[in-house]
Amino acid sequence: MSFAAKKIGEIAVAIGRHRNMVSNILKDVENCGCIKRSGRILTIVSADNRKMVSPPQCLG
């Protein structure tokens, strides 16, 4: 399916999405699909967190 020389509204109808969503994707193609996170940025990665929380190994 080719969308060359199509209007945003025509593309939106063809793929079944709202024209504002199509417009936003075409404006910023590189960041398309990236999730915008809100909240505090973690200072510890999850692997380090698991190491700190895991119980100590029994030596015996």
PDB file of N, CA and C in Angstrom:
ATOM      1  N   MET A   1       0.851  -1.172   0.000  1.00  0.00           N
ATOM      2  CA  MET A   1       0.000   0.000   0.000  1.00  0.00           C
ATOM      3  C   MET A   1       0.895   1.232   0.000  1.00  0.00           C
ATOM      4  N   SER A   2       0.684   2.151  -0.910  1.00  0.00           N
ATOM      5  CA  SER A   2       1.503   3.342  -1.044  1.00  0.00           C
ATOM      6  C   SER A   2       0.724   4.549  -0.540  1.00  0.00           C
ATOM      7  N   PHE A   3       1.393   5.363   0.291  1.00  0.00           N
ATOM      8  CA  PHE A   3       0.763   6.572   0.818  1.00  0.00           C
ATOM      9  C   PHE A   3       1.420   7.821   0.244  1.00  0.00           C
ATOM     10  N   ALA A   4       2.216   7.669  -0.813  1.00  0.00           N
ATOM     11  CA  ALA A   4       2.890   8.812  -1.424  1.00  0.00           C
ATOM     12  C   ALA A   4       1.848   9.770  -2.000  1.00  0.00           C
ATOM     13  N   ALA A   5       2.022  11.039  -1.725  1.00  0.00           N
ATOM     14  CA  ALA A   5       1.160  12.112  -2.236  1.00  0.00           C
ATOM     15  C   ALA A   5      -0.283  11.990  -1.746  1.00  0.00           C
ATOM     16  N   LYS A   6      -0.491  11.408  -0.588  1.00  0.00           N
ATOM     17  CA  LYS A   6      -1.831  11.323  -0.012  1.00  0.00           C
ATOM     18  C   LYS A   6      -1.975  12.387   1.077  1.00  0.00           C
ATOM     19  N   LYS A   7      -3.175  12.823   1.310  1.00  0.00           N
ATOM     20  CA  LYS A   7      -3.442  13.759   2.390  1.00  0.00           C
ATOM     21  C   LYS A   7      -3.504  12.996   3.705  1.00  0.00           C
ATOM     22  N   ILE A   8      -3.276  13.710   4.789  1.00  0.00           N
ATOM     23  CA  ILE A   8      -3.267  13.082   6.115  1.00  0.00           C
ATOM     24  C   ILE A   8      -4.610  12.418   6.403  1.00  0.00           C
ATOM     25  N   GLY A   9      -5.699  13.069   6.034  1.00  0.00           N
ATOM     26  CA  GLY A   9      -7.028  12.498   6.244  1.00  0.00           C
ATOM     27  C   GLY A   9      -7.245  11.203   5.475  1.00  0.00           C
ATOM     28  N   GLU A  10      -6.714  11.135   4.266  1.00  0.00           N
ATOM     29  CA  GLU A  10      -6.854   9.916   3.461  1.00  0.00           C
ATOM     30  C   GLU A  10      -6.051   8.769   4.059  1.00  0.00           C
ATOM     31  N   ILE A  11      -4.844   9.079   4.557  1.00  0.00           N
ATOM     32  CA  ILE A  11      -4.018   8.055   5.210  1.00  0.00           C
ATOM     33  C   ILE A  11      -4.716   7.554   6.463  1.00  0.00           C
ATOM     34  N   ALA A  12      -5.278   8.482   7.242  1.00  0.00           N
ATOM     35  CA  ALA A  12      -5.956   8.117   8.485  1.00  0.00           C
ATOM     36  C   ALA A  12      -7.125   7.182   8.231  1.00  0.00           C
ATOM     37  N   VAL A  13      -7.898   7.461   7.208  1.00  0.00           N
ATOM     38  CA  VAL A  13      -9.037   6.597   6.867  1.00  0.00           C
ATOM     39  C   VAL A  13      -8.551   5.234   6.404  1.00  0.00           C
ATOM     40  N   ALA A  14      -7.468   5.220   5.633  1.00  0.00           N
ATOM     41  CA  ALA A  14      -6.958   3.958   5.097  1.00  0.00           C
ATOM     42  C   ALA A  14      -6.442   3.025   6.187  1.00  0.00           C
ATOM     43  N   ILE A  15      -5.805   3.596   7.231  1.00  0.00           N
ATOM     44  CA  ILE A  15      -5.261   2.750   8.299  1.00  0.00           C
ATOM     45  C   ILE A  15      -6.168   2.678   9.520  1.00  0.00           C
ATOM     46  N   GLY A  16      -7.252   3.449   9.502  1.00  0.00           N
ATOM     47  CA  GLY A  16      -8.223   3.383  10.589  1.00  0.00           C
ATOM     48  C   GLY A  16      -7.778   4.080  11.861  1.00  0.00           C
ATOM     49  N   ARG A  17      -7.066   5.172  11.702  1.00  0.00           N
ATOM     50  CA  ARG A  17      -6.598   5.954  12.857  1.00  0.00           C
ATOM     51  C   ARG A  17      -7.035   7.402  12.702  1.00  0.00           C
ATOM     52  N   HIS A  18      -6.973   8.149  13.800  1.00  0.00           N
ATOM     53  CA  HIS A  18      -7.362   9.552  13.785  1.00  0.00           C
ATOM     54  C   HIS A  18      -6.314  10.368  13.050  1.00  0.00           C
ATOM     55  N   ARG A  19      -6.766  11.433  12.356  1.00  0.00           N
ATOM     56  CA  ARG A  19      -5.828  12.227  11.557  1.00  0.00           C
ATOM     57  C   ARG A  19      -4.787  12.944  12.414  1.00  0.00           C
ATOM     58  N   ASN A  20      -5.119  13.283  13.659  1.00  0.00           N
ATOM     59  CA  ASN A  20      -4.133  13.913  14.544  1.00  0.00           C
ATOM     60  C   ASN A  20      -2.997  12.946  14.872  1.00  0.00           C
ATOM     61  N   MET A  21      -3.319  11.660  15.052  1.00  0.00           N
ATOM     62  CA  MET A  21      -2.288  10.675  15.329  1.00  0.00           C
ATOM     63  C   MET A  21      -1.363  10.520  14.131  1.00  0.00           C
ATOM     64  N   VAL A  22      -1.930  10.471  12.931  1.00  0.00           N
ATOM     65  CA  VAL A  22      -1.124  10.359  11.718  1.00  0.00           C
ATOM     66  C   VAL A  22      -0.236  11.589  11.568  1.00  0.00           C
ATOM     67  N   SER A  23      -0.780  12.757  11.838  1.00  0.00           N
ATOM     68  CA  SER A  23      -0.015  13.995  11.743  1.00  0.00           C
ATOM     69  C   SER A  23       1.144  14.014  12.730  1.00  0.00           C
ATOM     70  N   ASN A  24       0.902  13.575  13.960  1.00  0.00           N
ATOM     71  CA  ASN A  24       1.963  13.549  14.969  1.00  0.00           C
ATOM     72  C   ASN A  24       3.067  12.565  14.604  1.00  0.00           C
ATOM     73  N   ILE A  25       2.706  11.441  14.025  1.00  0.00           N
ATOM     74  CA  ILE A  25       3.710  10.463  13.602  1.00  0.00           C
ATOM     75  C   ILE A  25       4.562  11.033  12.478  1.00  0.00           C
ATOM     76  N   LEU A  26       3.942  11.677  11.521  1.00  0.00           N
ATOM     77  CA  LEU A  26       4.690  12.234  10.398  1.00  0.00           C
ATOM     78  C   LEU A  26       5.578  13.400  10.810  1.00  0.00           C
ATOM     79  N   LYS A  27       5.208  14.125  11.854  1.00  0.00           N
ATOM     80  CA  LYS A  27       6.032  15.237  12.338  1.00  0.00           C
ATOM     81  C   LYS A  27       7.313  14.737  12.994  1.00  0.00           C
ATOM     82  N   ASP A  28       7.229  13.629  13.723  1.00  0.00           N
ATOM     83  CA  ASP A  28       8.378  13.140  14.485  1.00  0.00           C
ATOM     84  C   ASP A  28       8.504  11.629  14.320  1.00  0.00           C
ATOM     85  N   VAL A  29       9.011  11.215  13.182  1.00  0.00           N
ATOM     86  CA  VAL A  29       9.076   9.798  12.836  1.00  0.00           C
ATOM     87  C   VAL A  29      10.055   9.040  13.733  1.00  0.00           C
ATOM     88  N   GLU A  30      11.179   9.655  14.105  1.00  0.00           N
ATOM     89  CA  GLU A  30      12.208   8.957  14.885  1.00  0.00           C
ATOM     90  C   GLU A  30      11.728   8.561  16.276  1.00  0.00           C
ATOM     91  N   ASN A  31      10.877   9.364  16.888  1.00  0.00           N
ATOM     92  CA  ASN A  31      10.393   9.067  18.236  1.00  0.00           C
ATOM     93  C   ASN A  31       9.033   8.383  18.237  1.00  0.00           C
ATOM     94  N   CYS A  32       8.578   7.960  17.082  1.00  0.00           N
ATOM     95  CA  CYS A  32       7.293   7.291  16.974  1.00  0.00           C
ATOM     96  C   CYS A  32       7.334   5.962  17.718  1.00  0.00           C
ATOM     97  N   GLY A  33       6.389   5.745  18.593  1.00  0.00           N
ATOM     98  CA  GLY A  33       6.328   4.497  19.338  1.00  0.00           C
ATOM     99  C   GLY A  33       7.058   4.534  20.663  1.00  0.00           C
ATOM    100  N   CYS A  34       7.766   5.626  20.953  1.00  0.00           N
ATOM    101  CA  CYS A  34       8.465   5.744  22.232  1.00  0.00           C
ATOM    102  C   CYS A  34       7.470   6.110  23.320  1.00  0.00           C
ATOM    103  N   ILE A  35       7.586   5.453  24.439  1.00  0.00           N
ATOM    104  CA  ILE A  35       6.685   5.714  25.550  1.00  0.00           C
ATOM    105  C   ILE A  35       7.228   6.878  26.361  1.00  0.00           C
ATOM    106  N   LYS A  36       6.393   7.859  26.624  1.00  0.00           N
ATOM    107  CA  LYS A  36       6.780   9.001  27.433  1.00  0.00           C
ATOM    108  C   LYS A  36       6.534   8.643  28.889  1.00  0.00           C
ATOM    109  N   ARG A  37       7.587   8.499  29.641  1.00  0.00           N
ATOM    110  CA  ARG A  37       7.477   8.112  31.039  1.00  0.00           C
ATOM    111  C   ARG A  37       7.278   9.348  31.910  1.00  0.00           C
ATOM    112  N   SER A  38       6.427   9.226  32.898  1.00  0.00           N
ATOM    113  CA  SER A  38       6.265  10.296  33.860  1.00  0.00           C
ATOM    114  C   SER A  38       6.724   9.782  35.210  1.00  0.00           C
ATOM    115  N   GLY A  39       7.103  10.661  36.047  1.00  0.00           N
ATOM    116  CA  GLY A  39       7.524  10.251  37.376  1.00  0.00           C
ATOM    117  C   GLY A  39       9.023  10.313  37.558  1.00  0.00           C
ATOM    118  N   ARG A  40       9.448   9.824  38.686  1.00  0.00           N
ATOM    119  CA  ARG A  40      10.840   9.898  39.075  1.00  0.00           C
ATOM    120  C   ARG A  40      11.694   8.908  38.287  1.00  0.00           C
ATOM    121  N   ILE A  41      12.890   9.342  37.897  1.00  0.00           N
ATOM    122  CA  ILE A  41      13.831   8.486  37.197  1.00  0.00           C
ATOM    123  C   ILE A  41      14.546   7.615  38.225  1.00  0.00           C
ATOM    124  N   LEU A  42      14.607   6.313  37.982  1.00  0.00           N
ATOM    125  CA  LEU A  42      15.248   5.394  38.909  1.00  0.00           C
ATOM    126  C   LEU A  42      16.757   5.571  38.871  1.00  0.00           C
ATOM    127  N   THR A  43      17.396   5.554  40.043  1.00  0.00           N
ATOM    128  CA  THR A  43      18.848   5.677  40.107  1.00  0.00           C
ATOM    129  C   THR A  43      19.518   4.313  40.130  1.00  0.00           C
ATOM    130  N   ILE A  44      18.773   3.271  40.456  1.00  0.00           N
ATOM    131  CA  ILE A  44      19.312   1.915  40.510  1.00  0.00           C
ATOM    132  C   ILE A  44      18.643   1.094  39.424  1.00  0.00           C
ATOM    133  N   VAL A  45      19.430   0.396  38.631  1.00  0.00           N
ATOM    134  CA  VAL A  45      18.837  -0.467  37.615  1.00  0.00           C
ATOM    135  C   VAL A  45      18.241  -1.692  38.292  1.00  0.00           C
ATOM    136  N   SER A  46      17.308  -2.348  37.637  1.00  0.00           N
ATOM    137  CA  SER A  46      16.579  -3.448  38.264  1.00  0.00           C
ATOM    138  C   SER A  46      17.488  -4.625  38.610  1.00  0.00           C
ATOM    139  N   ALA A  47      18.555  -4.869  37.840  1.00  0.00           N
ATOM    140  CA  ALA A  47      19.461  -5.977  38.139  1.00  0.00           C
ATOM    141  C   ALA A  47      20.181  -5.739  39.469  1.00  0.00           C
ATOM    142  N   ASP A  48      20.636  -4.522  39.709  1.00  0.00           N
ATOM    143  CA  ASP A  48      21.290  -4.201  40.972  1.00  0.00           C
ATOM    144  C   ASP A  48      20.305  -4.284  42.135  1.00  0.00           C
ATOM    145  N   ASN A  49      19.075  -3.866  41.894  1.00  0.00           N
ATOM    146  CA  ASN A  49      18.058  -3.924  42.935  1.00  0.00           C
ATOM    147  C   ASN A  49      17.785  -5.376  43.332  1.00  0.00           C
ATOM    148  N   ARG A  50      17.727  -6.287  42.361  1.00  0.00           N
ATOM    149  CA  ARG A  50      17.499  -7.704  42.671  1.00  0.00           C
ATOM    150  C   ARG A  50      18.657  -8.275  43.486  1.00  0.00           C
ATOM    151  N   LYS A  51      19.888  -7.843  43.193  1.00  0.00           N
ATOM    152  CA  LYS A  51      21.048  -8.337  43.932  1.00  0.00           C
ATOM    153  C   LYS A  51      20.987  -7.909  45.393  1.00  0.00           C
ATOM    154  N   MET A  52      20.519  -6.700  45.642  1.00  0.00           N
ATOM    155  CA  MET A  52      20.447  -6.202  47.023  1.00  0.00           C
ATOM    156  C   MET A  52      19.318  -6.870  47.808  1.00  0.00           C
ATOM    157  N   VAL A  53      18.218  -7.197  47.143  1.00  0.00           N
ATOM    158  CA  VAL A  53      17.045  -7.728  47.826  1.00  0.00           C
ATOM    159  C   VAL A  53      17.121  -9.241  48.007  1.00  0.00           C
ATOM    160  N   SER A  54      17.856  -9.952  47.138  1.00  0.00           N
ATOM    161  CA  SER A  54      17.871 -11.409  47.197  1.00  0.00           C
ATOM    162  C   SER A  54      18.510 -11.894  48.491  1.00  0.00           C
ATOM    163  N   PRO A  55      18.026 -13.024  49.046  1.00  0.00           N
ATOM    164  CA  PRO A  55      18.578 -13.538  50.306  1.00  0.00           C
ATOM    165  C   PRO A  55      19.997 -14.068  50.099  1.00  0.00           C
ATOM    166  N   PRO A  56      20.801 -14.024  51.145  1.00  0.00           N
ATOM    167  CA  PRO A  56      22.168 -14.511  51.036  1.00  0.00           C
ATOM    168  C   PRO A  56      22.208 -16.024  50.803  1.00  0.00           C
ATOM    169  N   GLN A  57      23.225 -16.479  50.117  1.00  0.00           N
ATOM    170  CA  GLN A  57      23.385 -17.902  49.847  1.00  0.00           C
ATOM    171  C   GLN A  57      23.883 -18.606  51.107  1.00  0.00           C
ATOM    172  N   CYS A  58      23.377 -19.794  51.367  1.00  0.00           N
ATOM    173  CA  CYS A  58      23.820 -20.587  52.525  1.00  0.00           C
ATOM    174  C   CYS A  58      25.109 -21.318  52.164  1.00  0.00           C
ATOM    175  N   LEU A  59      26.102 -21.163  52.995  1.00  0.00           N
ATOM    176  CA  LEU A  59      27.360 -21.865  52.775  1.00  0.00           C
ATOM    177  C   LEU A  59      27.366 -23.088  53.686  1.00  0.00           C
ATOM    178  N   GLY A  60      27.635 -24.202  53.186  1.00  0.00           N
ATOM    179  CA  GLY A  60      27.592 -25.319  54.087  1.00  0.00           C
ATOM    180  C   GLY A  60      28.085 -26.524  53.525  1.00  0.00           C
TER     181      GLY A  60
END
